[in-house]
Amino acid sequence: MSNASLPGTLGRALLIAPPDWGRVLRFAGTAWLLALAGIWAAQQLHTHSHETLELSPLVHLLRDTSLAVPMAALALAIGGLLTAEALDRVDGDPGSVLGRVAFALVAAIAFAVLSIPGQEVHGLLFGAEEATGSWFVDTVLDSSVVLAASIAFLLPATLLRLSPWPPDDVPAPGSGRQRSAQGAAPNSSVTAIDRLGEQGVSRHA
């Protein structure tokens, strides 16, 4: 994959390119389920926390999941871009098992990192209060749980081809070099034929 294809890859990841609605739905569904998995896991650590407005567990889960969907979508886009760049450097195949595992891990890490400011925004919006624990310990614990839940969801989803990876516009390894070689061959042939023609004209002269 050449570097020129990376903007197209990012465009597809962010749904900027002309949409393939099947991929749009897969991307949106993956982002929503990724947010659901991470938020559900994090909420299991805070069953004794109190908010300004107490909600039922289901409504609480759906509310926080909806707020986390943009972060999950951004994590998928970051995972796609970084994985494509890394595979490009090593001439790796995005559709291989290694390529799929790499995307799942990178996107999961991105979502876990993005969940840290998300936790702070959640606390500011809803006034969540913890009974015990320092900020640092809570942050590390929450992001670790989100990371584990994200990997548990993304890894099988990507291996089973249910996530939006790999992008459609990422060529197989070496395809760019093969196309370059194929494109260079006709030019070489034309040059050789031209030289033979010039030699024939010079002999006749």
Protein backbone atom coordinates (compact mmCIF):
# COMPACT_ATOMS: atom_id res chain seq x y z
CA MET A 1 0.00 0.00 0.00
CA SER A 2 1.44 3.38 -0.96
CA ASN A 3 1.33 6.43 1.26
CA ALA A 4 -0.98 8.09 -1.28
CA SER A 5 -3.73 5.67 -0.31
CA LEU A 6 -3.65 6.65 3.38
CA PRO A 7 -5.90 9.72 2.99
CA GLY A 8 -8.42 7.52 1.23
CA THR A 9 -8.19 5.00 4.03
CA LEU A 10 -8.80 7.68 6.65
CA GLY A 11 -11.63 9.09 4.56
CA ARG A 12 -13.37 5.75 4.50
CA ALA A 13 -12.76 5.32 8.22
CA LEU A 14 -14.37 8.69 8.92
CA LEU A 15 -17.11 8.11 6.34
CA ILE A 16 -16.02 11.17 4.31
CA ALA A 17 -15.73 9.30 1.02
CA PRO A 18 -18.87 8.59 -1.05
CA PRO A 19 -20.64 6.17 1.27
CA ASP A 20 -21.06 2.47 0.80
CA TRP A 21 -24.13 2.15 3.00
CA GLY A 22 -23.27 -1.38 4.03
CA ARG A 23 -19.94 -0.16 5.40
CA VAL A 24 -21.62 2.89 6.95
CA LEU A 25 -24.00 0.65 8.89
CA ARG A 26 -21.18 -1.71 9.87
CA PHE A 27 -19.04 1.19 11.09
CA ALA A 28 -21.91 2.75 13.05
CA GLY A 29 -22.95 -0.60 14.53
CA THR A 30 -19.39 -1.43 15.53
CA ALA A 31 -18.95 1.98 17.18
CA TRP A 32 -22.20 1.62 19.11
CA LEU A 33 -21.44 -1.91 20.30
CA LEU A 34 -17.87 -0.94 21.22
CA ALA A 35 -19.25 1.89 23.34
CA LEU A 36 -21.81 -0.43 24.89
CA ALA A 37 -19.19 -3.03 25.82
CA GLY A 38 -16.83 -0.49 27.37
CA ILE A 39 -19.50 1.44 29.25
CA TRP A 40 -21.18 -1.69 30.61
CA ALA A 41 -17.86 -2.98 31.92
CA ALA A 42 -16.99 0.36 33.51
CA GLN A 43 -20.38 0.63 35.17
CA GLN A 44 -19.82 -2.67 36.95
CA LEU A 45 -17.09 -0.92 38.94
CA HIS A 46 -19.39 1.89 40.02
CA THR A 47 -22.48 0.15 41.28
CA HIS A 48 -22.19 2.07 44.56
CA SER A 49 -21.60 5.49 43.03
CA HIS A 50 -24.25 8.20 43.26
CA GLU A 51 -25.30 10.78 40.67
CA THR A 52 -27.31 13.95 40.92
CA LEU A 53 -30.12 12.30 38.97
CA GLU A 54 -30.54 8.62 39.72
CA LEU A 55 -31.71 6.51 36.75
CA SER A 56 -32.68 2.91 36.25
CA PRO A 57 -29.73 0.67 35.28
CA LEU A 58 -30.97 0.21 31.69
CA VAL A 59 -31.59 3.93 31.09
CA HIS A 60 -28.26 4.74 32.72
CA LEU A 61 -26.48 2.27 30.43
CA LEU A 62 -28.17 3.57 27.27
CA ARG A 63 -27.51 7.19 28.20
CA ASP A 64 -23.80 6.69 28.86
CA THR A 65 -23.42 4.46 25.80
CA SER A 66 -24.95 7.12 23.55
CA LEU A 67 -22.54 9.71 24.93
CA ALA A 68 -19.58 7.38 24.32
CA VAL A 69 -20.42 6.52 20.69
CA PRO A 70 -18.47 9.49 19.21
CA MET A 71 -15.37 8.43 21.16
CA ALA A 72 -15.80 4.85 19.95
CA ALA A 73 -16.13 6.04 16.33
CA LEU A 74 -13.00 8.16 16.71
CA ALA A 75 -11.16 5.18 18.23
CA LEU A 76 -12.08 3.03 15.21
CA ALA A 77 -10.84 5.73 12.85
CA ILE A 78 -7.58 6.12 14.79
CA GLY A 79 -7.14 2.35 14.89
CA GLY A 80 -7.67 2.10 11.15
CA LEU A 81 -5.24 4.89 10.30
CA LEU A 82 -2.45 3.74 12.62
CA THR A 83 -2.82 0.10 11.63
CA ALA A 84 -2.77 0.97 7.92
CA GLU A 85 0.36 3.07 8.41
CA ALA A 86 2.11 0.33 10.40
CA LEU A 87 1.23 -2.39 7.90
CA ASP A 88 2.37 -0.16 5.05
CA ARG A 89 5.80 0.13 6.65
CA VAL A 90 6.24 -3.64 6.93
CA ASP A 91 4.36 -4.50 3.72
CA GLY A 92 1.75 -6.38 5.75
CA ASP A 93 -1.62 -7.64 4.56
CA PRO A 94 -4.55 -5.78 6.20
CA GLY A 95 -6.83 -8.75 5.60
CA SER A 96 -4.56 -11.27 7.28
CA VAL A 97 -5.12 -12.55 10.80
CA LEU A 98 -2.19 -10.44 11.99
CA GLY A 99 -3.62 -7.35 10.34
CA ARG A 100 -7.04 -7.89 11.89
CA VAL A 101 -5.62 -8.54 15.35
CA ALA A 102 -3.48 -5.41 15.06
CA PHE A 103 -6.50 -3.27 14.19
CA ALA A 104 -8.55 -4.69 17.07
CA LEU A 105 -5.79 -4.04 19.61
CA VAL A 106 -4.95 -0.53 18.39
CA ALA A 107 -8.61 0.54 18.25
CA ALA A 108 -9.25 -0.93 21.71
CA ILE A 109 -6.28 0.94 23.17
CA ALA A 110 -7.45 4.15 21.52
CA PHE A 111 -10.92 3.77 23.03
CA ALA A 112 -9.50 3.04 26.48
CA VAL A 113 -7.35 6.18 26.30
CA LEU A 114 -10.26 8.30 25.05
CA SER A 115 -12.40 6.99 27.89
CA ILE A 116 -10.22 8.86 30.41
CA PRO A 117 -11.39 12.37 29.46
CA GLY A 118 -14.83 10.84 28.88
CA GLN A 119 -14.96 9.83 32.54
CA GLU A 120 -14.14 13.39 33.57
CA VAL A 121 -16.86 14.83 31.33
CA HIS A 122 -19.32 12.29 32.72
CA GLY A 123 -18.49 13.37 36.26
CA LEU A 124 -18.96 17.04 35.40
CA LEU A 125 -22.28 16.45 33.64
CA PHE A 126 -23.90 14.10 36.10
CA GLY A 127 -22.11 14.75 39.36
CA ALA A 128 -21.00 11.16 39.91
CA GLU A 129 -19.42 10.65 43.32
CA GLU A 130 -17.27 7.74 44.40
CA ALA A 131 -17.44 6.45 47.95
CA THR A 132 -13.69 5.65 48.13
CA GLY A 133 -10.59 5.61 45.97
CA SER A 134 -8.19 8.19 44.54
CA TRP A 135 -8.59 9.76 41.10
CA PHE A 136 -5.47 8.03 39.75
CA VAL A 137 -6.51 4.57 40.94
CA ASP A 138 -10.05 5.01 39.63
CA THR A 139 -8.79 6.23 36.26
CA VAL A 140 -6.33 3.38 35.80
CA LEU A 141 -8.90 0.81 36.90
CA ASP A 142 -11.67 2.22 34.69
CA SER A 143 -9.51 2.49 31.57
CA SER A 144 -8.11 -1.02 32.13
CA VAL A 145 -11.60 -2.47 32.35
CA VAL A 146 -12.65 -0.55 29.23
CA LEU A 147 -9.56 -1.87 27.43
CA ALA A 148 -10.34 -5.48 28.36
CA ALA A 149 -13.99 -5.16 27.32
CA SER A 150 -13.00 -3.46 24.05
CA ILE A 151 -10.57 -6.23 23.15
CA ALA A 152 -13.14 -8.87 24.10
CA PHE A 153 -15.59 -7.31 21.64
CA LEU A 154 -13.35 -6.08 18.80
CA LEU A 155 -11.08 -9.09 18.47
CA PRO A 156 -13.75 -11.68 17.59
CA ALA A 157 -15.78 -9.10 15.63
CA THR A 158 -12.77 -8.24 13.45
CA LEU A 159 -11.64 -11.84 13.00
CA LEU A 160 -15.19 -12.77 11.95
CA ARG A 161 -15.24 -9.85 9.46
CA LEU A 162 -18.01 -8.04 11.32
CA SER A 163 -16.07 -4.82 11.89
CA PRO A 164 -15.19 -2.19 9.25
CA TRP A 165 -11.64 -3.54 8.86
CA PRO A 166 -9.89 -3.93 6.47
CA PRO A 167 -10.76 -0.90 4.29
CA ASP A 168 -11.78 -1.72 0.73
CA ASP A 169 -9.14 0.54 -0.82
CA VAL A 170 -6.13 -1.12 0.83
CA PRO A 171 -4.34 -3.26 -1.82
CA ALA A 172 -2.61 -6.53 -1.13
CA PRO A 173 1.09 -6.43 -0.21
CA GLY A 174 3.37 -5.85 -3.20
CA SER A 175 0.50 -4.99 -5.54
CA GLY A 176 1.86 -1.48 -6.00
CA ARG A 177 5.28 -2.82 -7.00
CA GLN A 178 3.67 -5.34 -9.34
CA ARG A 179 1.66 -2.63 -11.03
CA SER A 180 4.80 -0.50 -11.33
CA ALA A 181 6.69 -3.39 -12.90
CA GLN A 182 3.83 -4.13 -15.29
CA GLY A 183 3.64 -0.49 -16.24
CA ALA A 184 7.39 -0.30 -16.83
CA ALA A 185 7.55 -3.37 -19.09
CA PRO A 186 5.61 -1.89 -22.06
CA ASN A 187 7.75 1.25 -21.94
CA SER A 188 10.93 -0.85 -22.05
CA SER A 189 9.56 -2.80 -25.02
CA VAL A 190 8.67 0.36 -26.89
CA THR A 191 12.14 1.76 -26.26
CA ALA A 192 13.78 -1.41 -27.58
CA ILE A 193 11.60 -1.41 -30.69
CA ASP A 194 12.44 2.24 -31.34
CA ARG A 195 16.15 1.50 -31.10
CA LEU A 196 15.87 -1.42 -33.53
CA GLY A 197 14.02 0.83 -35.94
CA GLU A 198 16.68 3.50 -35.69
CA GLN A 199 19.42 0.92 -36.36
CA GLY A 200 17.55 -0.34 -39.45
CA VAL A 201 17.18 3.15 -40.84
CA SER A 202 20.86 3.90 -40.28
CA ARG A 203 21.93 0.72 -42.12
CA HIS A 204 19.72 1.50 -45.10
CA ALA A 205 21.09 5.02 -45.19
